[in-house]
Amino acid sequence: MLSGHASLSRRERQIMDILYRQGRASAAEVREGMGDAPSYSAVRAMLRVLEEKGHVKHVEAGLKYVYLPTVTQERAKRSAVKHLLDTFFQGAPDQIVATLLDVSSTRLTGEELGRMAALIEQARKEGK
């Protein structure tokens, strides 16, 4: 049973980030990708829990298991943003965009702002 992003611990989110970046990884490879990694057996236990929650699946590759996400990164992003929108912004997309711009304003390039404006314009046209 797949549960939401909010139900993941910090370490579980860290593992999911590694799996999304690499596409697939063994427990040893996941452990190598973790900063201040727990023991190998702890990583294997967390992978088992993620599998029970429905976030990852494994395939056999020789004598080891290789783990991969069960949902696309795009779907996971949408779920995470929806959770943020509902939890912190009362479902108001303009508020999440305003906060994003406030937090990122000094780091956004003119090109990035232009792409954002084009996306807003496209949404405006499709909404009519």
Protein backbone atom coordinates (compact mmCIF):
# COMPACT_ATOMS: atom_id res chain seq x y z
CA MET A 1 0.00 0.00 0.00
CA LEU A 2 1.57 3.25 -1.13
CA SER A 3 1.44 5.93 1.53
CA GLY A 4 2.15 9.62 1.03
CA HIS A 5 5.44 11.46 1.02
CA ALA A 6 4.67 12.92 4.44
CA SER A 7 4.85 9.44 5.99
CA LEU A 8 8.54 9.04 5.12
CA SER A 9 11.26 9.56 7.70
CA ARG A 10 14.26 11.75 6.94
CA ARG A 11 16.38 8.68 6.14
CA GLU A 12 13.64 7.18 3.97
CA ARG A 13 13.41 10.42 1.98
CA GLN A 14 17.20 10.38 1.67
CA ILE A 15 17.06 6.83 0.26
CA MET A 16 14.30 7.81 -2.17
CA ASP A 17 16.39 10.79 -3.35
CA ILE A 18 19.31 8.43 -4.07
CA LEU A 19 17.08 5.99 -5.94
CA TYR A 20 15.53 8.78 -8.03
CA ARG A 21 18.99 10.17 -8.85
CA GLN A 22 20.50 6.78 -9.76
CA GLY A 23 17.37 5.09 -11.10
CA ARG A 24 18.19 1.87 -9.27
CA ALA A 25 20.71 0.83 -6.63
CA SER A 26 21.73 -2.01 -4.35
CA ALA A 27 21.67 -1.54 -0.57
CA ALA A 28 25.46 -1.03 -0.63
CA GLU A 29 25.15 1.63 -3.35
CA VAL A 30 22.37 3.37 -1.42
CA ARG A 31 24.57 3.35 1.69
CA GLU A 32 27.50 4.83 -0.28
CA GLY A 33 25.23 7.68 -1.42
CA MET A 34 24.14 8.59 2.11
CA GLY A 35 25.94 11.22 4.14
CA ASP A 36 26.75 9.91 7.62
CA ALA A 37 25.29 6.55 6.64
CA PRO A 38 23.91 4.07 9.16
CA SER A 39 25.05 0.46 9.12
CA TYR A 40 24.51 -1.72 6.05
CA SER A 41 21.90 -3.77 7.92
CA ALA A 42 20.03 -0.58 8.90
CA VAL A 43 19.95 0.53 5.24
CA ARG A 44 18.61 -2.90 4.22
CA ALA A 45 15.94 -2.66 6.93
CA MET A 46 14.89 0.80 5.70
CA LEU A 47 14.69 -0.50 2.13
CA ARG A 48 12.46 -3.34 3.36
CA VAL A 49 10.20 -0.81 5.11
CA LEU A 50 10.05 1.34 1.96
CA GLU A 51 9.11 -1.78 0.01
CA GLU A 52 6.36 -2.63 2.53
CA LYS A 53 5.05 0.94 2.21
CA GLY A 54 4.99 0.52 -1.58
CA HIS A 55 7.63 3.14 -2.42
CA VAL A 56 10.27 0.76 -3.81
CA LYS A 57 10.46 -2.67 -5.33
CA HIS A 58 13.41 -4.95 -5.83
CA VAL A 59 14.72 -7.14 -8.60
CA GLU A 60 17.35 -9.81 -8.25
CA ALA A 61 20.67 -9.05 -9.90
CA GLY A 62 22.94 -12.01 -9.36
CA LEU A 63 23.26 -12.55 -5.64
CA LYS A 64 21.97 -9.14 -4.59
CA TYR A 65 18.76 -7.17 -4.68
CA VAL A 66 18.59 -3.95 -6.67
CA TYR A 67 15.95 -1.44 -5.56
CA LEU A 68 14.01 1.02 -7.70
CA PRO A 69 11.17 3.47 -7.06
CA THR A 70 7.64 2.26 -7.80
CA VAL A 71 6.40 5.67 -8.98
CA THR A 72 8.03 8.12 -11.35
CA GLN A 73 9.90 11.06 -9.94
CA GLU A 74 7.42 13.35 -11.70
CA ARG A 75 4.49 11.73 -9.90
CA ALA A 76 6.35 11.91 -6.58
CA LYS A 77 7.06 15.62 -7.17
CA ARG A 78 3.39 16.30 -7.87
CA SER A 79 2.38 14.45 -4.71
CA ALA A 80 4.90 16.37 -2.60
CA VAL A 81 3.82 19.75 -4.01
CA LYS A 82 0.15 18.88 -3.50
CA HIS A 83 0.94 17.99 0.12
CA LEU A 84 2.75 21.34 0.61
CA LEU A 85 -0.06 23.23 -1.09
CA ASP A 86 -2.76 21.61 1.04
CA THR A 87 -0.82 21.64 4.32
CA PHE A 88 0.88 25.04 4.33
CA PHE A 89 -0.93 27.15 1.74
CA GLN A 90 -4.60 26.16 2.22
CA GLY A 91 -4.74 25.09 -1.42
CA ALA A 92 -3.85 28.57 -2.74
CA PRO A 93 -1.33 28.17 -5.59
CA ASP A 94 -0.63 31.92 -5.74
CA GLN A 95 0.61 31.77 -2.14
CA ILE A 96 3.03 28.93 -2.85
CA VAL A 97 4.38 30.81 -5.90
CA ALA A 98 4.72 34.02 -3.85
CA THR A 99 6.66 32.13 -1.18
CA LEU A 100 8.86 30.47 -3.79
CA LEU A 101 9.65 33.85 -5.34
CA ASP A 102 10.33 35.38 -1.92
CA VAL A 103 12.72 32.59 -0.94
CA SER A 104 14.43 32.37 -4.34
CA SER A 105 14.30 35.95 -5.59
CA THR A 106 18.01 36.63 -5.24
CA ARG A 107 18.95 33.37 -6.96
CA LEU A 108 16.55 33.45 -9.92
CA THR A 109 18.04 34.40 -13.27
CA GLY A 110 16.21 36.44 -15.88
CA GLU A 111 15.96 33.26 -17.97
CA GLU A 112 14.31 31.33 -15.12
CA LEU A 113 11.86 34.17 -14.48
CA GLY A 114 11.08 34.25 -18.19
CA ARG A 115 10.32 30.51 -18.22
CA MET A 116 8.07 30.95 -15.20
CA ALA A 117 6.23 33.84 -16.86
CA ALA A 118 5.77 31.72 -20.01
CA LEU A 119 4.33 28.86 -17.95
CA ILE A 120 1.91 31.26 -16.25
CA GLU A 121 0.87 32.68 -19.61
CA GLN A 122 0.35 29.17 -21.00
CA ALA A 123 -1.80 28.25 -17.98
CA ARG A 124 -3.80 31.44 -18.45
CA LYS A 125 -4.50 30.58 -22.11
CA GLU A 126 -5.43 26.97 -21.33
CA GLY A 127 -7.73 28.11 -18.52
CA LYS A 128 -9.92 30.20 -20.85
